[in-house]
């Protein structure tokens, strides 16, 4: 028996390892139920968006392990991993997923703090005299 392939999704500092298994639409994240891990509706909708686009919500079970970042970044990372997994399963999913920008890795990261400043861009108060 062939092991299910693991697909990587990233966003901000979150990294998700996603497996799609033929099933009934159950989603498990870090060995917790989907609703337990993502209590906010927007995040749940974001994760399931690739499956909605290809109308495969009840065809696959999703098993995801995710680390790093916050819940929003983790949801985005899982979304990218699911999109990549769907593409590997069926090439006909490419056009609708591409049109919905599901393969684009969100490049926005937190800007680093610079020395001599309290934050990345904020400056200490300037005093002329």
N, C-alpha and C. Protein backbone atom coordinates (compact mmCIF):
# COMPACT_ATOMS: atom_id res chain seq x y z
N UNK A 1 0.84 -1.19 0.00
CA UNK A 1 0.00 0.00 0.00
C UNK A 1 0.88 1.25 0.00
N UNK A 2 0.51 2.20 -0.83
CA UNK A 2 1.28 3.42 -0.96
C UNK A 2 0.89 4.42 0.13
N UNK A 3 1.91 5.05 0.75
CA UNK A 3 1.64 6.06 1.77
C UNK A 3 1.10 7.32 1.12
N UNK A 4 0.15 7.99 1.78
CA UNK A 4 -0.34 9.25 1.20
C UNK A 4 0.77 10.29 1.19
N UNK A 5 0.82 11.08 0.13
CA UNK A 5 1.85 12.09 0.02
C UNK A 5 1.55 13.26 0.94
N UNK A 6 2.60 13.88 1.43
CA UNK A 6 2.47 15.03 2.30
C UNK A 6 2.83 16.27 1.49
N UNK A 7 1.98 17.30 1.58
CA UNK A 7 2.19 18.54 0.86
C UNK A 7 2.40 19.67 1.85
N UNK A 8 3.33 20.54 1.52
CA UNK A 8 3.71 21.63 2.41
C UNK A 8 3.02 22.92 1.98
N UNK A 9 2.51 23.65 2.96
CA UNK A 9 1.97 24.98 2.73
C UNK A 9 2.58 25.92 3.74
N UNK A 10 2.86 27.16 3.33
CA UNK A 10 3.46 28.11 4.26
C UNK A 10 2.75 29.45 4.17
N UNK A 11 2.73 30.17 5.29
CA UNK A 11 2.27 31.55 5.33
C UNK A 11 2.86 32.20 6.56
N UNK A 12 3.42 33.40 6.42
CA UNK A 12 4.13 34.08 7.50
C UNK A 12 5.16 33.12 8.09
N UNK A 13 5.05 32.76 9.36
CA UNK A 13 6.02 31.82 9.91
C UNK A 13 5.40 30.45 10.15
N UNK A 14 4.23 30.21 9.61
CA UNK A 14 3.53 28.93 9.79
C UNK A 14 3.91 27.95 8.68
N UNK A 15 4.08 26.70 9.06
CA UNK A 15 4.35 25.64 8.08
C UNK A 15 3.35 24.52 8.34
N UNK A 16 2.62 24.14 7.30
CA UNK A 16 1.61 23.08 7.42
C UNK A 16 2.01 21.90 6.55
N UNK A 17 1.88 20.70 7.12
CA UNK A 17 2.05 19.46 6.35
C UNK A 17 0.66 18.86 6.21
N UNK A 18 0.21 18.72 4.97
CA UNK A 18 -1.18 18.34 4.69
C UNK A 18 -1.21 17.02 3.92
N UNK A 19 -2.13 16.14 4.33
CA UNK A 19 -2.40 14.90 3.62
C UNK A 19 -3.87 14.86 3.24
N UNK A 20 -4.17 14.51 2.01
CA UNK A 20 -5.55 14.31 1.56
C UNK A 20 -5.77 12.82 1.39
N UNK A 21 -6.80 12.31 2.04
CA UNK A 21 -7.12 10.89 1.99
C UNK A 21 -8.56 10.76 1.51
N UNK A 22 -8.84 9.89 0.54
CA UNK A 22 -10.23 9.72 0.12
C UNK A 22 -11.10 9.36 1.32
N UNK A 23 -12.20 10.09 1.49
CA UNK A 23 -13.05 9.89 2.66
C UNK A 23 -14.32 10.69 2.58
N UNK A 24 -14.79 11.15 3.74
CA UNK A 24 -16.11 11.78 3.81
C UNK A 24 -16.07 13.27 4.14
N UNK A 25 -14.90 13.88 4.17
CA UNK A 25 -14.83 15.32 4.43
C UNK A 25 -14.43 15.70 5.83
N UNK A 26 -13.89 14.77 6.61
CA UNK A 26 -13.43 15.11 7.96
C UNK A 26 -12.11 15.86 7.87
N UNK A 27 -11.97 16.89 8.72
CA UNK A 27 -10.74 17.67 8.75
C UNK A 27 -10.17 17.57 10.16
N UNK A 28 -8.90 17.17 10.26
CA UNK A 28 -8.21 17.06 11.54
C UNK A 28 -6.97 17.93 11.48
N UNK A 29 -6.79 18.79 12.49
CA UNK A 29 -5.63 19.65 12.55
C UNK A 29 -4.92 19.41 13.88
N UNK A 30 -3.67 18.99 13.83
CA UNK A 30 -2.89 18.68 15.03
C UNK A 30 -3.65 17.75 15.99
N UNK A 31 -4.25 16.72 15.43
CA UNK A 31 -4.99 15.70 16.18
C UNK A 31 -6.19 16.25 16.94
N UNK A 32 -6.70 17.40 16.52
CA UNK A 32 -7.92 17.97 17.10
C UNK A 32 -8.94 18.11 15.98
N UNK A 33 -10.20 18.19 16.37
CA UNK A 33 -11.23 18.40 15.35
C UNK A 33 -11.07 19.79 14.77
N UNK A 34 -11.59 19.96 13.58
CA UNK A 34 -11.50 21.22 12.85
C UNK A 34 -12.11 22.38 13.65
N UNK A 35 -13.29 22.15 14.23
CA UNK A 35 -13.99 23.19 14.97
C UNK A 35 -13.26 23.56 16.27
N UNK A 36 -12.61 22.57 16.88
CA UNK A 36 -11.84 22.85 18.10
C UNK A 36 -10.62 23.71 17.78
N UNK A 37 -9.93 23.38 16.71
CA UNK A 37 -8.68 24.07 16.40
C UNK A 37 -8.91 25.46 15.83
N UNK A 38 -9.91 25.60 14.98
CA UNK A 38 -10.25 26.90 14.39
C UNK A 38 -11.65 27.31 14.82
N UNK A 39 -11.78 27.98 15.99
CA UNK A 39 -13.11 28.37 16.45
C UNK A 39 -13.73 29.51 15.64
N UNK A 40 -12.92 30.25 14.90
CA UNK A 40 -13.42 31.40 14.13
C UNK A 40 -13.85 30.93 12.74
N UNK A 41 -15.07 31.30 12.37
CA UNK A 41 -15.68 30.85 11.12
C UNK A 41 -14.86 31.25 9.89
N UNK A 42 -14.33 32.47 9.87
CA UNK A 42 -13.55 32.93 8.71
C UNK A 42 -12.34 32.05 8.45
N UNK A 43 -11.68 31.62 9.51
CA UNK A 43 -10.51 30.77 9.34
C UNK A 43 -10.91 29.40 8.81
N UNK A 44 -12.03 28.87 9.29
CA UNK A 44 -12.50 27.57 8.78
C UNK A 44 -12.86 27.68 7.30
N UNK A 45 -13.51 28.77 6.93
CA UNK A 45 -13.89 28.98 5.53
C UNK A 45 -12.64 29.11 4.66
N UNK A 46 -11.62 29.79 5.17
CA UNK A 46 -10.37 29.98 4.45
C UNK A 46 -9.68 28.64 4.18
N UNK A 47 -9.67 27.77 5.18
CA UNK A 47 -9.04 26.46 5.03
C UNK A 47 -9.76 25.61 3.98
N UNK A 48 -11.07 25.64 3.98
CA UNK A 48 -11.85 24.78 3.09
C UNK A 48 -12.07 25.36 1.69
N UNK A 49 -11.61 26.57 1.46
CA UNK A 49 -11.84 27.24 0.17
C UNK A 49 -11.39 26.42 -1.05
N UNK A 50 -10.20 25.81 -1.07
CA UNK A 50 -9.81 25.04 -2.26
C UNK A 50 -10.76 23.86 -2.52
N UNK A 51 -11.23 23.21 -1.45
CA UNK A 51 -12.16 22.08 -1.63
C UNK A 51 -13.52 22.56 -2.15
N UNK A 52 -13.94 23.76 -1.72
CA UNK A 52 -15.20 24.32 -2.22
C UNK A 52 -15.11 24.64 -3.70
N UNK A 53 -13.98 25.18 -4.11
CA UNK A 53 -13.80 25.60 -5.51
C UNK A 53 -13.91 24.40 -6.45
N UNK A 54 -13.32 23.27 -6.08
CA UNK A 54 -13.36 22.09 -6.95
C UNK A 54 -14.52 21.15 -6.59
N UNK A 55 -15.39 21.60 -5.68
CA UNK A 55 -16.57 20.84 -5.26
C UNK A 55 -16.20 19.44 -4.78
N UNK A 56 -15.22 19.39 -3.86
CA UNK A 56 -14.75 18.11 -3.33
C UNK A 56 -14.78 18.09 -1.81
N UNK A 57 -15.71 18.84 -1.22
CA UNK A 57 -15.77 18.94 0.24
C UNK A 57 -16.00 17.59 0.91
N UNK A 58 -16.84 16.74 0.31
CA UNK A 58 -17.16 15.46 0.94
C UNK A 58 -16.44 14.28 0.29
N UNK A 59 -15.42 14.56 -0.52
CA UNK A 59 -14.69 13.49 -1.18
C UNK A 59 -13.40 13.10 -0.45
N UNK A 60 -12.81 14.05 0.29
CA UNK A 60 -11.51 13.81 0.90
C UNK A 60 -11.52 14.16 2.38
N UNK A 61 -10.76 13.40 3.15
CA UNK A 61 -10.45 13.74 4.53
C UNK A 61 -9.12 14.49 4.52
N UNK A 62 -9.02 15.51 5.35
CA UNK A 62 -7.80 16.30 5.42
C UNK A 62 -7.15 16.06 6.79
N UNK A 63 -5.88 15.68 6.78
CA UNK A 63 -5.11 15.54 8.01
C UNK A 63 -3.96 16.52 7.90
N UNK A 64 -3.91 17.48 8.83
CA UNK A 64 -2.89 18.53 8.76
C UNK A 64 -2.14 18.64 10.07
N UNK A 65 -0.83 18.79 9.97
CA UNK A 65 0.01 19.14 11.11
C UNK A 65 0.57 20.51 10.80
N UNK A 66 0.40 21.43 11.73
CA UNK A 66 0.83 22.81 11.48
C UNK A 66 1.58 23.33 12.68
N UNK A 67 2.65 24.09 12.41
CA UNK A 67 3.47 24.66 13.47
C UNK A 67 3.79 26.11 13.15
N UNK A 68 4.05 26.87 14.19
CA UNK A 68 4.53 28.24 14.03
C UNK A 68 3.43 29.23 13.73
N UNK A 69 3.70 30.48 14.05
CA UNK A 69 2.78 31.55 13.72
C UNK A 69 1.51 31.52 14.54
N UNK A 70 0.52 32.29 14.11
CA UNK A 70 -0.78 32.34 14.77
C UNK A 70 -1.81 31.56 13.98
N UNK A 71 -3.03 31.62 14.45
CA UNK A 71 -4.10 30.82 13.81
C UNK A 71 -4.36 31.27 12.38
N UNK A 72 -4.33 32.55 12.11
CA UNK A 72 -4.61 33.05 10.77
C UNK A 72 -3.55 32.57 9.77
N UNK A 73 -2.28 32.67 10.15
CA UNK A 73 -1.21 32.19 9.29
C UNK A 73 -1.27 30.69 9.09
N UNK A 74 -1.66 29.98 10.15
CA UNK A 74 -1.78 28.53 10.05
C UNK A 74 -2.90 28.14 9.09
N UNK A 75 -4.01 28.88 9.15
CA UNK A 75 -5.12 28.61 8.23
C UNK A 75 -4.68 28.82 6.78
N UNK A 76 -3.93 29.88 6.52
CA UNK A 76 -3.43 30.14 5.18
C UNK A 76 -2.45 29.08 4.71
N UNK A 77 -1.64 28.59 5.62
CA UNK A 77 -0.67 27.54 5.27
C UNK A 77 -1.39 26.24 4.91
N UNK A 78 -2.41 25.89 5.68
CA UNK A 78 -3.17 24.67 5.40
C UNK A 78 -3.89 24.81 4.05
N UNK A 79 -4.42 26.00 3.78
CA UNK A 79 -5.12 26.24 2.51
C UNK A 79 -4.19 25.98 1.32
N UNK A 80 -2.96 26.49 1.39
CA UNK A 80 -2.01 26.28 0.31
C UNK A 80 -1.65 24.81 0.17
N UNK A 81 -1.47 24.12 1.31
CA UNK A 81 -1.16 22.69 1.27
C UNK A 81 -2.28 21.88 0.63
N UNK A 82 -3.53 22.20 0.96
CA UNK A 82 -4.68 21.50 0.37
C UNK A 82 -4.73 21.74 -1.13
N UNK A 83 -4.50 22.99 -1.56
CA UNK A 83 -4.54 23.31 -2.99
C UNK A 83 -3.47 22.51 -3.75
N UNK A 84 -2.28 22.43 -3.18
CA UNK A 84 -1.21 21.67 -3.84
C UNK A 84 -1.52 20.17 -3.89
N UNK A 85 -2.14 19.67 -2.84
CA UNK A 85 -2.50 18.25 -2.81
C UNK A 85 -3.58 17.95 -3.85
N UNK A 86 -4.57 18.84 -3.96
CA UNK A 86 -5.65 18.64 -4.94
C UNK A 86 -5.09 18.63 -6.36
N UNK A 87 -4.12 19.50 -6.62
CA UNK A 87 -3.52 19.56 -7.95
C UNK A 87 -2.83 18.24 -8.29
N UNK A 88 -2.15 17.64 -7.32
CA UNK A 88 -1.48 16.37 -7.56
C UNK A 88 -2.49 15.25 -7.80
N UNK A 89 -3.64 15.33 -7.14
CA UNK A 89 -4.65 14.28 -7.31
C UNK A 89 -5.33 14.34 -8.67
N UNK A 90 -5.59 15.57 -9.16
CA UNK A 90 -6.32 15.71 -10.42
C UNK A 90 -5.87 16.99 -11.12
N UNK A 91 -5.29 16.85 -12.30
CA UNK A 91 -4.79 18.00 -13.05
C UNK A 91 -5.91 18.93 -13.53
N UNK A 92 -7.13 18.42 -13.63
CA UNK A 92 -8.23 19.27 -14.11
C UNK A 92 -8.60 20.34 -13.09
N UNK A 93 -8.14 20.19 -11.85
CA UNK A 93 -8.41 21.20 -10.83
C UNK A 93 -7.52 22.44 -10.99
N UNK A 94 -6.52 22.37 -11.86
CA UNK A 94 -5.55 23.46 -11.95
C UNK A 94 -6.19 24.80 -12.31
N UNK A 95 -7.00 24.83 -13.38
CA UNK A 95 -7.55 26.10 -13.85
C UNK A 95 -8.44 26.80 -12.82
N UNK A 96 -9.42 26.12 -12.21
CA UNK A 96 -10.23 26.83 -11.22
C UNK A 96 -9.45 27.28 -9.99
N UNK A 97 -8.50 26.47 -9.54
CA UNK A 97 -7.71 26.86 -8.38
C UNK A 97 -6.76 28.01 -8.71
N UNK A 98 -6.19 27.97 -9.89
CA UNK A 98 -5.30 29.05 -10.32
C UNK A 98 -6.07 30.36 -10.45
N UNK A 99 -7.27 30.28 -11.00
CA UNK A 99 -8.10 31.46 -11.17
C UNK A 99 -8.45 32.10 -9.83
N UNK A 100 -8.63 31.26 -8.81
CA UNK A 100 -8.95 31.75 -7.46
C UNK A 100 -7.70 32.08 -6.65
N UNK A 101 -6.52 32.01 -7.28
CA UNK A 101 -5.23 32.35 -6.66
C UNK A 101 -4.92 31.49 -5.43
N UNK A 102 -5.19 30.21 -5.53
CA UNK A 102 -4.94 29.30 -4.41
C UNK A 102 -3.50 28.81 -4.36
N UNK A 103 -2.74 28.98 -5.45
CA UNK A 103 -1.36 28.51 -5.47
C UNK A 103 -0.37 29.60 -5.10
N UNK A 104 -0.86 30.82 -4.91
CA UNK A 104 0.02 31.93 -4.59
C UNK A 104 0.38 31.89 -3.12
N UNK A 105 1.67 31.80 -2.84
CA UNK A 105 2.15 31.81 -1.46
C UNK A 105 2.20 33.26 -1.02
N UNK A 106 1.44 33.61 0.00
CA UNK A 106 1.39 34.99 0.48
C UNK A 106 2.77 35.38 1.01
N UNK A 107 3.48 36.31 0.35
CA UNK A 107 4.87 36.57 0.72
C UNK A 107 5.04 37.53 1.91
N UNK A 108 3.94 38.06 2.42
CA UNK A 108 4.07 39.07 3.48
C UNK A 108 4.60 38.45 4.77
N UNK A 109 5.66 39.06 5.29
CA UNK A 109 6.27 38.60 6.53
C UNK A 109 6.41 39.79 7.46
N UNK A 110 6.61 39.53 8.73
CA UNK A 110 6.83 40.60 9.69
C UNK A 110 8.20 41.20 9.43
N UNK A 111 8.25 42.52 9.37
CA UNK A 111 9.52 43.20 9.15
C UNK A 111 10.35 43.18 10.43
N UNK A 112 11.63 42.99 10.30
CA UNK A 112 12.47 42.86 11.48
C UNK A 112 12.66 44.20 12.19
N UNK A 113 12.89 44.13 13.48
CA UNK A 113 13.16 45.32 14.28
C UNK A 113 14.58 45.79 13.97
N UNK A 114 14.77 47.11 13.81
CA UNK A 114 16.09 47.67 13.56
C UNK A 114 16.69 48.22 14.84
N UNK A 115 18.00 48.21 14.92
CA UNK A 115 18.68 48.73 16.10
C UNK A 115 18.47 50.25 16.16
N UNK A 116 18.46 50.79 17.36
CA UNK A 116 18.28 52.23 17.53
C UNK A 116 16.84 52.67 17.35
N UNK A 117 15.92 51.71 17.26
CA UNK A 117 14.50 52.03 17.12
C UNK A 117 13.71 51.09 18.03
N UNK A 118 12.54 51.56 18.50
CA UNK A 118 11.76 50.69 19.38
C UNK A 118 11.07 49.54 18.63
N UNK A 119 10.74 49.76 17.33
CA UNK A 119 10.10 48.73 16.52
C UNK A 119 10.69 48.79 15.12
N UNK A 120 10.06 48.11 14.17
CA UNK A 120 10.62 48.05 12.83
C UNK A 120 10.69 49.43 12.17
N UNK A 121 9.65 50.23 12.29
CA UNK A 121 9.63 51.54 11.64
C UNK A 121 9.43 52.70 12.60
N UNK A 122 8.90 52.42 13.78
CA UNK A 122 8.67 53.48 14.76
C UNK A 122 10.02 54.02 15.24
N UNK A 123 10.07 55.33 15.44
CA UNK A 123 11.29 55.96 15.91
C UNK A 123 11.10 56.46 17.34
N UNK A 124 12.22 56.60 18.05
CA UNK A 124 12.15 57.27 19.35
C UNK A 124 11.83 58.75 19.10
N UNK A 125 11.25 59.40 20.09
CA UNK A 125 10.86 60.80 19.94
C UNK A 125 12.09 61.66 19.68
N UNK A 126 11.99 62.55 18.69
CA UNK A 126 13.10 63.42 18.32
C UNK A 126 13.02 64.71 19.12
N UNK A 127 14.15 65.09 19.66
CA UNK A 127 14.22 66.35 20.40
C UNK A 127 15.26 67.23 19.75
N UNK A 128 14.84 68.42 19.28
CA UNK A 128 15.76 69.31 18.60
C UNK A 128 16.74 69.95 19.59
N UNK A 129 16.26 70.22 20.81
CA UNK A 129 17.14 70.84 21.82
C UNK A 129 17.19 70.03 23.08
